[in-house]
Amino acid sequence: MDINLKPPDTPDTALYIASMADELARFAKSHNLEALAYILDMARLEADQISKRWVGEKPPVAADSD
């Protein structure tokens, strides 16, 4: 058995995590928790890239600026 096989819901899970990280980052920014917001933004980018790689799309070049 190939241990590198991923469950078929991996892209959906990664997109969900990206969405939640985005929401949490915005919440952190609104409360002046800049370091935490930055870490959450990085988690969002990573989750977004994972989901796009899994479905064969190009990952984003840069994050959206808020």
C-alpha atoms as a PDB file:
ATOM      1  CA  MET A   1       0.000   0.000   0.000  1.00  0.00           C
ATOM      2  CA  ASP A   2       1.284   3.467  -0.914  1.00  0.00           C
ATOM      3  CA  ILE A   3       1.580   5.546   2.266  1.00  0.00           C
ATOM      4  CA  ASN A   4       1.631   8.754   0.179  1.00  0.00           C
ATOM      5  CA  LEU A   5      -2.002   8.350  -0.853  1.00  0.00           C
ATOM      6  CA  LYS A   6      -4.199  11.090   0.541  1.00  0.00           C
ATOM      7  CA  PRO A   7      -7.882  10.759   1.331  1.00  0.00           C
ATOM      8  CA  PRO A   8     -10.127  12.219  -1.372  1.00  0.00           C
ATOM      9  CA  ASP A   9     -11.370  14.901   0.987  1.00  0.00           C
ATOM     10  CA  THR A  10      -7.898  16.425   1.481  1.00  0.00           C
ATOM     11  CA  PRO A  11      -8.560  19.467  -0.771  1.00  0.00           C
ATOM     12  CA  ASP A  12     -11.876  20.175   0.969  1.00  0.00           C
ATOM     13  CA  THR A  13     -10.276  19.846   4.390  1.00  0.00           C
ATOM     14  CA  ALA A  14      -7.454  22.195   3.394  1.00  0.00           C
ATOM     15  CA  LEU A  15      -9.948  24.735   2.025  1.00  0.00           C
ATOM     16  CA  TYR A  16     -11.939  24.578   5.260  1.00  0.00           C
ATOM     17  CA  ILE A  17      -8.790  25.144   7.289  1.00  0.00           C
ATOM     18  CA  ALA A  18      -7.855  28.071   5.013  1.00  0.00           C
ATOM     19  CA  SER A  19     -11.282  29.601   5.532  1.00  0.00           C
ATOM     20  CA  MET A  20     -11.154  29.216   9.307  1.00  0.00           C
ATOM     21  CA  ALA A  21      -7.583  30.563   9.483  1.00  0.00           C
ATOM     22  CA  ASP A  22      -8.657  33.593   7.433  1.00  0.00           C
ATOM     23  CA  GLU A  23     -11.559  34.280   9.775  1.00  0.00           C
ATOM     24  CA  LEU A  24      -9.351  33.890  12.846  1.00  0.00           C
ATOM     25  CA  ALA A  25      -6.631  36.114  11.335  1.00  0.00           C
ATOM     26  CA  ARG A  26      -9.166  38.877  10.720  1.00  0.00           C
ATOM     27  CA  PHE A  27     -10.416  38.506  14.294  1.00  0.00           C
ATOM     28  CA  ALA A  28      -6.858  38.671  15.629  1.00  0.00           C
ATOM     29  CA  LYS A  29      -6.111  41.791  13.535  1.00  0.00           C
ATOM     30  CA  SER A  30      -9.240  43.511  14.812  1.00  0.00           C
ATOM     31  CA  HIS A  31      -7.922  42.999  18.346  1.00  0.00           C
ATOM     32  CA  ASN A  32      -4.387  44.193  17.513  1.00  0.00           C
ATOM     33  CA  LEU A  33      -2.887  40.709  17.829  1.00  0.00           C
ATOM     34  CA  GLU A  34      -0.559  41.246  14.886  1.00  0.00           C
ATOM     35  CA  ALA A  35       1.855  38.351  15.501  1.00  0.00           C
ATOM     36  CA  LEU A  36      -1.001  35.895  15.875  1.00  0.00           C
ATOM     37  CA  ALA A  37      -2.711  37.320  12.778  1.00  0.00           C
ATOM     38  CA  TYR A  38       0.511  36.825  10.812  1.00  0.00           C
ATOM     39  CA  ILE A  39       0.830  33.187  11.889  1.00  0.00           C
ATOM     40  CA  LEU A  40      -2.803  32.542  10.980  1.00  0.00           C
ATOM     41  CA  ASP A  41      -2.261  34.177   7.574  1.00  0.00           C
ATOM     42  CA  MET A  42       0.678  31.838   6.970  1.00  0.00           C
ATOM     43  CA  ALA A  43      -1.497  28.858   7.928  1.00  0.00           C
ATOM     44  CA  ARG A  44      -4.150  30.091   5.482  1.00  0.00           C
ATOM     45  CA  LEU A  45      -1.621  30.368   2.662  1.00  0.00           C
ATOM     46  CA  GLU A  46      -0.247  26.894   3.349  1.00  0.00           C
ATOM     47  CA  ALA A  47      -3.697  25.319   3.452  1.00  0.00           C
ATOM     48  CA  ASP A  48      -4.679  27.124   0.242  1.00  0.00           C
ATOM     49  CA  GLN A  49      -1.531  25.921  -1.529  1.00  0.00           C
ATOM     50  CA  ILE A  50      -2.104  22.349  -0.380  1.00  0.00           C
ATOM     51  CA  SER A  51      -5.650  22.338  -1.709  1.00  0.00           C
ATOM     52  CA  LYS A  52      -4.574  23.801  -5.054  1.00  0.00           C
ATOM     53  CA  ARG A  53      -1.667  21.362  -5.455  1.00  0.00           C
ATOM     54  CA  TRP A  54      -3.956  18.456  -4.694  1.00  0.00           C
ATOM     55  CA  VAL A  55      -6.374  19.418  -7.473  1.00  0.00           C
ATOM     56  CA  GLY A  56      -3.558  20.333  -9.885  1.00  0.00           C
ATOM     57  CA  GLU A  57      -3.954  24.090  -9.948  1.00  0.00           C
ATOM     58  CA  LYS A  58      -1.217  26.658  -9.550  1.00  0.00           C
ATOM     59  CA  PRO A  59      -0.790  27.903  -5.975  1.00  0.00           C
ATOM     60  CA  PRO A  60      -1.313  31.646  -5.385  1.00  0.00           C
ATOM     61  CA  VAL A  61       1.696  33.897  -5.945  1.00  0.00           C
ATOM     62  CA  ALA A  62       0.927  36.297  -3.097  1.00  0.00           C
ATOM     63  CA  ALA A  63      -1.618  36.711  -0.347  1.00  0.00           C
ATOM     64  CA  ASP A  64      -4.489  39.153  -0.701  1.00  0.00           C
ATOM     65  CA  SER A  65      -3.713  42.382   1.084  1.00  0.00           C
ATOM     66  CA  ASP A  66      -6.339  43.550   3.530  1.00  0.00           C
END
